[in-house]
Amino acid sequence: VPFMQALSQVWDDATARRFAAFIFVSMLAYSAQDLILEPFAGLVFGFTPGQSTSLSGLQNTGVLLGMILVGAAATMWSRNKAMSLRNWTVAGCAGSALALAGLVAAAQVGPGWPLKPSVFALGFCNGVFAVAAIGSMFNLATSGTTSREGLRMGLFGASQAIAFGLGGFAGTVMVDVTRMIYGS
């Protein structure tokens, strides 16, 4: 089957199309937050470049622990419907949104806010989301009416890669534009 015809068949699958869009939007936000966090810590909390960079390590520690938790829980309780990858993905997204709302509150409170626990919580929830979404991606790759597993994985991977690149660029642009508009 010619490539464009096979791609069209995969894109016609509503589940694959929605999941690719979901991956794009979530990875756009995921990658933008990393490049916003360090300037935020410096501008709002007065962190030095070394201190703000160490926040990324704290966030990534949270990501790793969130991934380990979901991997272990999904393996140990795989037959439990409450432990489905979909539920973990939703929990990771909701937790990330709450942690991000905490960081928005931190901007209002300033140095009195517990920034490090907030950053760790964001990382932890991102890890929960990431490993559950990746597991879902593998499950969805084998779904559909035609055997196009590789193409589905490629579509999901391309969505992730494009969003990751755009998110990194958009995050840095948003910091500069916001500072220009608000003067702080």
Protein backbone atom coordinates (compact mmCIF):
# COMPACT_ATOMS: atom_id res chain seq x y z
CA VAL A 1 0.00 0.00 0.00
CA PRO A 2 1.45 3.42 -0.87
CA PHE A 3 2.46 5.51 2.15
CA MET A 4 -0.11 8.29 1.68
CA GLN A 5 -2.92 5.75 1.34
CA ALA A 6 -1.80 3.95 4.52
CA LEU A 7 -1.49 7.27 6.37
CA SER A 8 -4.97 8.23 5.22
CA GLN A 9 -6.33 4.92 6.57
CA VAL A 10 -4.75 5.55 9.96
CA TRP A 11 -5.92 9.19 10.02
CA ASP A 12 -9.47 8.06 9.21
CA ASP A 13 -9.47 6.11 12.49
CA ALA A 14 -11.11 8.57 14.90
CA THR A 15 -9.42 7.04 17.95
CA ALA A 16 -5.94 7.35 16.43
CA ARG A 17 -6.67 10.91 15.26
CA ARG A 18 -7.98 12.04 18.69
CA PHE A 19 -5.08 10.41 20.50
CA ALA A 20 -2.54 12.07 18.18
CA ALA A 21 -4.19 15.44 18.89
CA PHE A 22 -4.20 14.70 22.64
CA ILE A 23 -0.51 13.80 22.52
CA PHE A 24 0.23 17.00 20.60
CA VAL A 25 -1.57 19.29 23.05
CA SER A 26 -0.24 17.58 26.17
CA MET A 27 3.36 17.48 24.92
CA LEU A 28 3.14 21.14 23.89
CA ALA A 29 2.28 22.03 27.49
CA TYR A 30 4.76 19.54 28.94
CA SER A 31 7.72 20.93 27.02
CA ALA A 32 6.76 24.59 27.46
CA GLN A 33 6.63 24.32 31.25
CA ASP A 34 10.25 23.26 31.53
CA LEU A 35 11.55 26.38 29.82
CA ILE A 36 9.19 28.65 31.74
CA LEU A 37 10.10 27.24 35.15
CA GLU A 38 13.70 28.42 35.38
CA PRO A 39 13.08 32.08 34.43
CA PHE A 40 10.02 32.03 36.73
CA ALA A 41 12.12 30.88 39.68
CA GLY A 42 14.68 33.57 38.97
CA LEU A 43 12.25 36.41 38.36
CA VAL A 44 9.69 35.70 41.10
CA PHE A 45 11.78 33.95 43.76
CA GLY A 46 15.17 35.52 43.12
CA PHE A 47 16.83 32.17 42.41
CA THR A 48 20.31 32.23 40.91
CA PRO A 49 20.80 30.37 37.61
CA GLY A 50 22.28 27.43 39.55
CA GLN A 51 19.36 27.32 41.98
CA SER A 52 16.76 27.54 39.22
CA THR A 53 18.54 24.81 37.26
CA SER A 54 18.44 22.55 40.32
CA LEU A 55 14.64 22.84 40.22
CA SER A 56 14.73 20.91 36.94
CA GLY A 57 16.53 18.10 38.74
CA LEU A 58 13.87 18.12 41.45
CA GLN A 59 11.12 18.09 38.83
CA ASN A 60 12.78 15.23 36.95
CA THR A 61 13.12 13.25 40.20
CA GLY A 62 9.35 13.63 40.58
CA VAL A 63 8.86 12.50 36.98
CA LEU A 64 10.93 9.36 37.58
CA LEU A 65 9.07 8.48 40.78
CA GLY A 66 5.69 9.04 39.09
CA MET A 67 6.72 6.75 36.25
CA ILE A 68 7.91 4.06 38.64
CA LEU A 69 4.65 4.25 40.62
CA VAL A 70 2.45 3.80 37.55
CA GLY A 71 4.67 1.07 36.12
CA ALA A 72 4.58 -0.88 39.37
CA ALA A 73 0.88 -0.30 40.06
CA ALA A 74 -0.21 -1.11 36.50
CA THR A 75 1.82 -4.31 36.62
CA MET A 76 0.71 -5.47 40.08
CA TRP A 77 -2.97 -4.65 39.65
CA SER A 78 -3.37 -5.03 35.89
CA ARG A 79 -6.79 -6.69 36.21
CA ASN A 80 -8.21 -3.88 38.35
CA LYS A 81 -10.28 -1.51 36.17
CA ALA A 82 -9.51 1.42 38.49
CA MET A 83 -5.82 0.97 37.64
CA SER A 84 -6.36 1.31 33.87
CA LEU A 85 -3.89 3.36 31.84
CA ARG A 86 -6.71 5.71 30.90
CA ASN A 87 -7.43 6.46 34.57
CA TRP A 88 -3.72 6.98 35.28
CA THR A 89 -3.49 9.34 32.28
CA VAL A 90 -6.46 11.37 33.53
CA ALA A 91 -5.06 11.41 37.08
CA GLY A 92 -1.68 12.59 35.78
CA CYS A 93 -3.29 15.35 33.71
CA ALA A 94 -5.52 16.50 36.57
CA GLY A 95 -2.64 16.39 39.06
CA SER A 96 -0.40 18.34 36.67
CA ALA A 97 -3.13 20.98 36.26
CA LEU A 98 -3.47 21.31 40.05
CA ALA A 99 0.29 21.55 40.52
CA LEU A 100 0.47 24.16 37.77
CA ALA A 101 -2.34 26.11 39.47
CA GLY A 102 -0.21 25.99 42.62
CA LEU A 103 2.64 27.56 40.68
CA VAL A 104 0.30 30.27 39.43
CA ALA A 105 -0.58 30.95 43.08
CA ALA A 106 3.14 30.98 43.84
CA ALA A 107 3.53 33.92 41.47
CA GLN A 108 1.07 35.89 43.61
CA VAL A 109 2.51 34.85 46.99
CA GLY A 110 6.18 35.05 46.03
CA PRO A 111 9.11 33.80 48.14
CA GLY A 112 6.87 32.55 50.98
CA TRP A 113 5.41 29.85 48.72
CA PRO A 114 6.82 26.29 49.02
CA LEU A 115 8.23 26.30 45.51
CA LYS A 116 10.30 23.12 45.68
CA PRO A 117 7.42 20.86 46.82
CA SER A 118 5.23 22.42 44.12
CA VAL A 119 7.81 21.71 41.44
CA PHE A 120 8.28 18.15 42.70
CA ALA A 121 4.48 17.62 42.63
CA LEU A 122 4.34 18.91 39.06
CA GLY A 123 7.10 16.51 38.06
CA PHE A 124 5.49 13.58 39.86
CA CYS A 125 2.14 14.15 38.13
CA ASN A 126 3.90 14.65 34.78
CA GLY A 127 5.59 11.26 35.30
CA VAL A 128 2.28 9.59 36.11
CA PHE A 129 0.81 11.09 32.96
CA ALA A 130 3.78 10.34 30.72
CA VAL A 131 4.14 6.63 31.44
CA ALA A 132 0.38 6.04 31.29
CA ALA A 133 0.14 7.93 27.98
CA ILE A 134 3.04 5.93 26.55
CA GLY A 135 1.38 2.69 27.63
CA SER A 136 -1.86 3.84 26.03
CA MET A 137 0.06 4.69 22.87
CA PHE A 138 1.38 1.13 22.66
CA ASN A 139 -2.11 -0.28 23.23
CA LEU A 140 -3.67 2.01 20.61
CA ALA A 141 -0.98 1.16 18.07
CA THR A 142 -2.47 -2.33 17.73
CA SER A 143 -6.06 -1.11 17.48
CA GLY A 144 -7.87 -0.22 14.30
CA THR A 145 -9.23 -2.12 11.36
CA THR A 146 -5.97 -2.41 9.43
CA SER A 147 -2.58 -3.62 10.62
CA ARG A 148 -0.73 -0.31 10.61
CA GLU A 149 0.98 -0.51 14.01
CA GLY A 150 4.21 1.09 12.83
CA LEU A 151 2.40 3.94 11.12
CA ARG A 152 0.24 4.60 14.17
CA MET A 153 3.36 4.71 16.37
CA GLY A 154 4.97 7.03 13.84
CA LEU A 155 1.93 9.31 13.88
CA PHE A 156 1.92 9.44 17.68
CA GLY A 157 5.69 9.95 17.76
CA ALA A 158 5.56 12.73 15.17
CA SER A 159 2.80 14.46 17.16
CA GLN A 160 4.97 14.27 20.25
CA ALA A 161 8.16 15.44 18.53
CA ILE A 162 6.59 18.41 16.74
CA ALA A 163 4.78 19.51 19.90
CA PHE A 164 7.94 19.13 21.99
CA GLY A 165 9.90 21.37 19.63
CA LEU A 166 7.13 23.95 19.37
CA GLY A 167 6.53 23.88 23.14
CA GLY A 168 10.15 24.64 23.91
CA PHE A 169 10.12 27.57 21.51
CA ALA A 170 6.67 28.80 22.62
CA GLY A 171 7.60 28.62 26.31
CA THR A 172 10.58 30.92 25.91
CA VAL A 173 8.65 33.30 23.67
CA MET A 174 5.76 33.46 26.18
CA VAL A 175 8.13 34.45 29.00
CA ASP A 176 9.58 37.30 26.95
CA VAL A 177 6.23 38.49 25.55
CA THR A 178 4.59 38.39 28.98
CA ARG A 179 7.42 40.41 30.50
CA MET A 180 7.18 42.90 27.64
CA ILE A 181 3.39 43.31 28.04
CA TYR A 182 3.28 43.48 31.84
CA GLY A 183 6.68 44.99 32.43
CA SER A 184 7.54 42.38 35.06
